[in-house]
Amino acid sequence: MKFSEAWLREWVNPDLETAQLAEQLTMAGLEVDSVEPAAGEFSGVVVAEVLSVEAHPDADKLRVCQVSVGEGDPLQIVCGAPNVHAGMKAPLATVGGRVGEMKIKKAKLRGVPSYGMLCSARELGLSEDHEGLMALPADAPVG
């Protein structure tokens, strides 16, 4: 059974580091197989709202999106996710950010500039779901 350390500490919160807590649980007869992060490593990821989606001029499976990150002009993002649509909110890794080992840079995808990467839950290490972008709640604050 997997559960988060934060949830456990809502019930019992000894003044112990994570490794010490795992050791104490094991010594109490509760087997701790592993301690692992709940999410992958990422930085520079914000909530973006997709404002518009257009077909890519040179690629059938890519789309050119305009997204808002709450400040400044909209960003152009080239995206291949099948579920991207105007009005949705999704995680956006911004230029200079990181998703796992990948550093996000301005790129040209089939000749069209892209200023970040809209992300799936799998890309962020949050689940194995890679069906498309991670759709965030409509009331998620942009930025």
Foldseek 3Di string as FASTA:
>chain_A
DDDDPVVVVVVPPDPDDPVVVQVVCVVVPHHDPDDDDLWADKPQKWKKAWAAWAQDPPDRQKIWTFIDQPDDGTFIAIDRQPPDGHGWIFIKRFQQMDQHPDHDHFDADVNRTHGTYGADRVSGRNDPDPNGTHTDDSPPDGD
